[in-house]
């Protein structure tokens, strides 16, 4: 391939091209995939931390309002403005004398309520839904005569939080036993 009478700069140029191609191969085959894996790992962990905090806010919302909400804006506003949230965050367990704050700091070490709206990967809003149960009851007199049908609609007895990026769900709309279950635990 090389001749002895080729000038030195031809050899140097070819060695430079080989070195650049080796560098690009290492970058594409080793460095880029590991960076992508790290970003995906961060996004998954961060999304799950945010969903766990949304779950805790949802449980406190239920405790106060006797129903869950499917309005993410109302849920975050509840966290920001409700006076009971601060006392819950600052509470101390009387037995262990340790803080009993149910909220988890995010990866950056803080809990910014405005970051709870969106998943870190695609920046789409978390999907929050509640159940709606309709029950019918027929009212009949003791003589067996039909009187009326009573309809009862219950909303907000169960909730579900979904990550649109596919990093998991919390809660279940159908099964009472999985009402607050976390899909990845």
C-alpha atoms as a PDB file:
ATOM      1  CA  UNK A   1       0.000   0.000   0.000  1.00  0.00           C
ATOM      2  CA  UNK A   2       2.688   2.496   0.973  1.00  0.00           C
ATOM      3  CA  UNK A   3       5.684   3.077  -1.199  1.00  0.00           C
ATOM      4  CA  UNK A   4       9.047   4.162   0.131  1.00  0.00           C
ATOM      5  CA  UNK A   5       9.081   7.144  -2.149  1.00  0.00           C
ATOM      6  CA  UNK A   6       5.723   8.540  -0.784  1.00  0.00           C
ATOM      7  CA  UNK A   7       6.206  11.849   1.005  1.00  0.00           C
ATOM      8  CA  UNK A   8       6.054  11.782   4.817  1.00  0.00           C
ATOM      9  CA  UNK A   9       2.934  13.970   4.960  1.00  0.00           C
ATOM     10  CA  UNK A  10       0.914  11.325   3.077  1.00  0.00           C
ATOM     11  CA  UNK A  11       1.763   8.800   5.809  1.00  0.00           C
ATOM     12  CA  UNK A  12       1.053  11.364   8.544  1.00  0.00           C
ATOM     13  CA  UNK A  13      -2.295  12.249   6.954  1.00  0.00           C
ATOM     14  CA  UNK A  14      -3.331   8.602   6.732  1.00  0.00           C
ATOM     15  CA  UNK A  15      -2.336   7.983  10.359  1.00  0.00           C
ATOM     16  CA  UNK A  16      -4.366  11.044  11.356  1.00  0.00           C
ATOM     17  CA  UNK A  17      -7.414   9.742   9.451  1.00  0.00           C
ATOM     18  CA  UNK A  18      -7.029   6.342  11.172  1.00  0.00           C
ATOM     19  CA  UNK A  19      -6.775   7.998  14.599  1.00  0.00           C
ATOM     20  CA  UNK A  20      -9.909  10.099  13.974  1.00  0.00           C
ATOM     21  CA  UNK A  21     -11.852   7.031  12.797  1.00  0.00           C
ATOM     22  CA  UNK A  22     -10.754   5.044  15.863  1.00  0.00           C
ATOM     23  CA  UNK A  23     -11.864   7.917  18.107  1.00  0.00           C
ATOM     24  CA  UNK A  24     -15.248   8.133  16.356  1.00  0.00           C
ATOM     25  CA  UNK A  25     -15.708   4.378  16.628  1.00  0.00           C
ATOM     26  CA  UNK A  26     -15.008   4.427  20.365  1.00  0.00           C
ATOM     27  CA  UNK A  27     -17.331   7.408  20.842  1.00  0.00           C
ATOM     28  CA  UNK A  28     -20.187   5.852  18.900  1.00  0.00           C
ATOM     29  CA  UNK A  29     -19.759   2.307  20.232  1.00  0.00           C
ATOM     30  CA  UNK A  30     -18.845   2.970  23.873  1.00  0.00           C
ATOM     31  CA  UNK A  31     -19.222   6.545  25.107  1.00  0.00           C
ATOM     32  CA  UNK A  32     -22.560   7.588  23.571  1.00  0.00           C
ATOM     33  CA  UNK A  33     -24.504   4.463  24.626  1.00  0.00           C
ATOM     34  CA  UNK A  34     -23.282   4.729  28.223  1.00  0.00           C
ATOM     35  CA  UNK A  35     -24.323   8.401  28.303  1.00  0.00           C
ATOM     36  CA  UNK A  36     -27.767   7.487  26.959  1.00  0.00           C
ATOM     37  CA  UNK A  37     -28.121   4.756  29.586  1.00  0.00           C
ATOM     38  CA  UNK A  38     -27.199   7.231  32.346  1.00  0.00           C
ATOM     39  CA  UNK A  39     -29.768   9.765  31.123  1.00  0.00           C
ATOM     40  CA  UNK A  40     -32.468   7.064  30.940  1.00  0.00           C
ATOM     41  CA  UNK A  41     -31.557   5.868  34.442  1.00  0.00           C
ATOM     42  CA  UNK A  42     -31.777   9.419  35.798  1.00  0.00           C
ATOM     43  CA  UNK A  43     -35.119  10.064  34.051  1.00  0.00           C
ATOM     44  CA  UNK A  44     -36.614   6.836  35.397  1.00  0.00           C
ATOM     45  CA  UNK A  45     -35.465   7.503  38.968  1.00  0.00           C
ATOM     46  CA  UNK A  46     -36.540  11.149  38.883  1.00  0.00           C
ATOM     47  CA  UNK A  47     -39.979  10.321  37.427  1.00  0.00           C
ATOM     48  CA  UNK A  48     -40.565   7.737  40.140  1.00  0.00           C
ATOM     49  CA  UNK A  49     -39.574  10.178  42.885  1.00  0.00           C
ATOM     50  CA  UNK A  50     -42.000  12.736  41.471  1.00  0.00           C
ATOM     51  CA  UNK A  51     -44.808  10.164  41.252  1.00  0.00           C
ATOM     52  CA  UNK A  52     -44.210   9.065  44.867  1.00  0.00           C
ATOM     53  CA  UNK A  53     -44.543  12.685  45.982  1.00  0.00           C
ATOM     54  CA  UNK A  54     -47.720  13.064  43.927  1.00  0.00           C
ATOM     55  CA  UNK A  55     -49.057   9.953  45.656  1.00  0.00           C
ATOM     56  CA  UNK A  56     -48.374  11.439  49.097  1.00  0.00           C
ATOM     57  CA  UNK A  57     -50.048  14.715  48.127  1.00  0.00           C
ATOM     58  CA  UNK A  58     -53.012  12.756  46.747  1.00  0.00           C
ATOM     59  CA  UNK A  59     -53.356  10.842  50.044  1.00  0.00           C
ATOM     60  CA  UNK A  60     -53.287  14.086  52.044  1.00  0.00           C
ATOM     61  CA  UNK A  61     -55.825  15.610  49.640  1.00  0.00           C
ATOM     62  CA  UNK A  62     -58.090  12.598  50.230  1.00  0.00           C
ATOM     63  CA  UNK A  63     -57.703  12.894  53.992  1.00  0.00           C
ATOM     64  CA  UNK A  64     -58.889  16.498  53.858  1.00  0.00           C
ATOM     65  CA  UNK A  65     -61.520  16.322  51.074  1.00  0.00           C
ATOM     66  CA  UNK A  66     -62.740  12.713  51.405  1.00  0.00           C
ATOM     67  CA  UNK A  67     -62.051  12.097  47.714  1.00  0.00           C
ATOM     68  CA  UNK A  68     -59.136  11.998  45.287  1.00  0.00           C
ATOM     69  CA  UNK A  69     -58.726  14.494  42.459  1.00  0.00           C
ATOM     70  CA  UNK A  70     -57.828  14.040  38.809  1.00  0.00           C
ATOM     71  CA  UNK A  71     -56.747  17.679  38.454  1.00  0.00           C
ATOM     72  CA  UNK A  72     -52.966  17.874  38.645  1.00  0.00           C
ATOM     73  CA  UNK A  73     -53.071  21.670  38.914  1.00  0.00           C
ATOM     74  CA  UNK A  74     -55.431  21.497  41.905  1.00  0.00           C
ATOM     75  CA  UNK A  75     -53.246  18.856  43.549  1.00  0.00           C
ATOM     76  CA  UNK A  76     -50.065  20.946  43.260  1.00  0.00           C
ATOM     77  CA  UNK A  77     -51.956  24.055  44.397  1.00  0.00           C
ATOM     78  CA  UNK A  78     -53.145  22.083  47.428  1.00  0.00           C
ATOM     79  CA  UNK A  79     -49.527  21.197  48.237  1.00  0.00           C
ATOM     80  CA  UNK A  80     -48.404  24.807  47.875  1.00  0.00           C
ATOM     81  CA  UNK A  81     -51.216  26.496  49.793  1.00  0.00           C
ATOM     82  CA  UNK A  82     -52.687  24.134  52.377  1.00  0.00           C
ATOM     83  CA  UNK A  83     -51.586  24.998  55.902  1.00  0.00           C
ATOM     84  CA  UNK A  84     -51.597  21.377  57.062  1.00  0.00           C
ATOM     85  CA  UNK A  85     -48.832  20.449  54.595  1.00  0.00           C
ATOM     86  CA  UNK A  86     -46.185  22.453  56.471  1.00  0.00           C
ATOM     87  CA  UNK A  87     -47.065  20.844  59.785  1.00  0.00           C
ATOM     88  CA  UNK A  88     -46.917  17.391  58.171  1.00  0.00           C
ATOM     89  CA  UNK A  89     -43.509  18.134  56.595  1.00  0.00           C
ATOM     90  CA  UNK A  90     -42.145  19.314  59.971  1.00  0.00           C
ATOM     91  CA  UNK A  91     -43.695  16.535  62.073  1.00  0.00           C
ATOM     92  CA  UNK A  92     -41.533  14.248  64.213  1.00  0.00           C
ATOM     93  CA  UNK A  93     -42.341  10.635  65.042  1.00  0.00           C
ATOM     94  CA  UNK A  94     -42.942  10.496  68.794  1.00  0.00           C
ATOM     95  CA  UNK A  95     -41.576   6.954  69.145  1.00  0.00           C
ATOM     96  CA  UNK A  96     -38.363   7.166  67.105  1.00  0.00           C
ATOM     97  CA  UNK A  97     -37.930  10.943  67.391  1.00  0.00           C
ATOM     98  CA  UNK A  98     -37.142  11.041  63.656  1.00  0.00           C
ATOM     99  CA  UNK A  99     -38.780  13.292  61.073  1.00  0.00           C
ATOM    100  CA  UNK A 100     -41.974  11.789  59.642  1.00  0.00           C
ATOM    101  CA  UNK A 101     -42.033  13.869  56.477  1.00  0.00           C
ATOM    102  CA  UNK A 102     -43.747  11.680  53.833  1.00  0.00           C
ATOM    103  CA  UNK A 103     -42.222  13.625  50.940  1.00  0.00           C
ATOM    104  CA  UNK A 104     -39.008  12.586  49.208  1.00  0.00           C
ATOM    105  CA  UNK A 105     -36.446  15.057  47.916  1.00  0.00           C
ATOM    106  CA  UNK A 106     -35.782  14.827  44.198  1.00  0.00           C
ATOM    107  CA  UNK A 107     -32.406  14.015  42.667  1.00  0.00           C
ATOM    108  CA  UNK A 108     -31.201  17.599  43.093  1.00  0.00           C
ATOM    109  CA  UNK A 109     -31.841  17.396  46.856  1.00  0.00           C
ATOM    110  CA  UNK A 110     -34.892  19.672  46.842  1.00  0.00           C
ATOM    111  CA  UNK A 111     -38.622  19.240  46.378  1.00  0.00           C
ATOM    112  CA  UNK A 112     -39.834  21.902  43.977  1.00  0.00           C
ATOM    113  CA  UNK A 113     -43.615  21.556  43.595  1.00  0.00           C
ATOM    114  CA  UNK A 114     -43.517  23.041  40.094  1.00  0.00           C
ATOM    115  CA  UNK A 115     -41.342  20.132  38.932  1.00  0.00           C
ATOM    116  CA  UNK A 116     -44.047  17.629  39.889  1.00  0.00           C
ATOM    117  CA  UNK A 117     -46.199  18.439  36.856  1.00  0.00           C
ATOM    118  CA  UNK A 118     -43.974  16.876  34.198  1.00  0.00           C
ATOM    119  CA  UNK A 119     -41.895  13.793  33.658  1.00  0.00           C
ATOM    120  CA  UNK A 120     -38.185  14.626  33.290  1.00  0.00           C
ATOM    121  CA  UNK A 121     -37.682  12.763  30.011  1.00  0.00           C
ATOM    122  CA  UNK A 122     -40.234  13.990  27.489  1.00  0.00           C
ATOM    123  CA  UNK A 123     -41.509  16.883  29.652  1.00  0.00           C
ATOM    124  CA  UNK A 124     -45.084  15.601  29.269  1.00  0.00           C
ATOM    125  CA  UNK A 125     -47.504  16.008  32.164  1.00  0.00           C
ATOM    126  CA  UNK A 126     -48.135  13.033  34.401  1.00  0.00           C
ATOM    127  CA  UNK A 127     -51.514  11.423  33.763  1.00  0.00           C
ATOM    128  CA  UNK A 128     -53.734  11.570  36.827  1.00  0.00           C
ATOM    129  CA  UNK A 129     -57.093   9.788  36.792  1.00  0.00           C
ATOM    130  CA  UNK A 130     -59.776   8.834  39.304  1.00  0.00           C
ATOM    131  CA  UNK A 131     -62.521   6.243  39.323  1.00  0.00           C
ATOM    132  CA  UNK A 132     -66.189   6.845  38.803  1.00  0.00           C
ATOM    133  CA  UNK A 133     -68.644   4.272  40.123  1.00  0.00           C
ATOM    134  CA  UNK A 134     -72.347   4.300  39.324  1.00  0.00           C
ATOM    135  CA  UNK A 135     -74.654   2.131  41.398  1.00  0.00           C
ATOM    136  CA  UNK A 136     -78.364   1.603  40.884  1.00  0.00           C
ATOM    137  CA  UNK A 137     -80.785   0.607  43.620  1.00  0.00           C
ATOM    138  CA  UNK A 138     -84.417  -0.306  42.958  1.00  0.00           C
ATOM    139  CA  UNK A 139     -86.882   0.789  45.628  1.00  0.00           C
ATOM    140  CA  UNK A 140     -89.884  -1.512  45.991  1.00  0.00           C
ATOM    141  CA  UNK A 141     -92.728  -1.305  48.517  1.00  0.00           C
ATOM    142  CA  UNK A 142     -93.488  -4.157  50.918  1.00  0.00           C
ATOM    143  CA  UNK A 143     -96.379  -5.071  48.644  1.00  0.00           C
ATOM    144  CA  UNK A 144     -93.906  -5.575  45.801  1.00  0.00           C
ATOM    145  CA  UNK A 145     -94.772  -2.427  43.887  1.00  0.00           C
ATOM    146  CA  UNK A 146     -92.019  -0.540  42.070  1.00  0.00           C
ATOM    147  CA  UNK A 147     -91.421   2.954  43.475  1.00  0.00           C
ATOM    148  CA  UNK A 148     -88.217   4.308  41.898  1.00  0.00           C
ATOM    149  CA  UNK A 149     -84.606   3.644  40.983  1.00  0.00           C
ATOM    150  CA  UNK A 150     -82.012   5.427  43.106  1.00  0.00           C
ATOM    151  CA  UNK A 151     -78.781   6.227  41.298  1.00  0.00           C
ATOM    152  CA  UNK A 152     -75.609   6.896  43.241  1.00  0.00           C
ATOM    153  CA  UNK A 153     -72.442   8.109  41.558  1.00  0.00           C
ATOM    154  CA  UNK A 154     -69.184   8.006  43.487  1.00  0.00           C
ATOM    155  CA  UNK A 155     -66.102   9.731  42.173  1.00  0.00           C
ATOM    156  CA  UNK A 156     -62.629   9.791  43.550  1.00  0.00           C
ATOM    157  CA  UNK A 157     -62.459   6.699  45.729  1.00  0.00           C
ATOM    158  CA  UNK A 158     -59.388   5.412  43.822  1.00  0.00           C
ATOM    159  CA  UNK A 159     -56.695   7.100  41.753  1.00  0.00           C
ATOM    160  CA  UNK A 160     -53.961   6.271  39.282  1.00  0.00           C
ATOM    161  CA  UNK A 161     -50.814   8.217  38.398  1.00  0.00           C
ATOM    162  CA  UNK A 162     -49.103   7.253  35.138  1.00  0.00           C
ATOM    163  CA  UNK A 163     -45.808   8.306  33.643  1.00  0.00           C
ATOM    164  CA  UNK A 164     -46.316   8.954  29.911  1.00  0.00           C
ATOM    165  CA  UNK A 165     -42.702   7.841  29.337  1.00  0.00           C
ATOM    166  CA  UNK A 166     -43.502   4.368  30.683  1.00  0.00           C
ATOM    167  CA  UNK A 167     -41.545   4.496  33.947  1.00  0.00           C
ATOM    168  CA  UNK A 168     -44.372   3.063  36.026  1.00  0.00           C
ATOM    169  CA  UNK A 169     -47.730   3.743  37.641  1.00  0.00           C
ATOM    170  CA  UNK A 170     -49.099   4.275  41.126  1.00  0.00           C
ATOM    171  CA  UNK A 171     -52.569   3.197  42.138  1.00  0.00           C
ATOM    172  CA  UNK A 172     -55.324   1.284  40.399  1.00  0.00           C
ATOM    173  CA  UNK A 173     -58.824   2.317  39.362  1.00  0.00           C
ATOM    174  CA  UNK A 174     -60.329  -1.164  39.496  1.00  0.00           C
ATOM    175  CA  UNK A 175     -58.841  -3.043  42.440  1.00  0.00           C
ATOM    176  CA  UNK A 176     -59.279  -1.705  45.974  1.00  0.00           C
ATOM    177  CA  UNK A 177     -56.300  -3.748  47.199  1.00  0.00           C
ATOM    178  CA  UNK A 178     -54.014  -1.968  44.709  1.00  0.00           C
ATOM    179  CA  UNK A 179     -55.463   1.477  45.447  1.00  0.00           C
ATOM    180  CA  UNK A 180     -52.048   2.984  46.306  1.00  0.00           C
ATOM    181  CA  UNK A 181     -49.763   0.253  44.927  1.00  0.00           C
ATOM    182  CA  UNK A 182     -46.524   1.241  43.224  1.00  0.00           C
ATOM    183  CA  UNK A 183     -45.862  -0.741  40.050  1.00  0.00           C
ATOM    184  CA  UNK A 184     -42.065  -0.909  40.396  1.00  0.00           C
ATOM    185  CA  UNK A 185     -41.848  -2.098  43.998  1.00  0.00           C
END
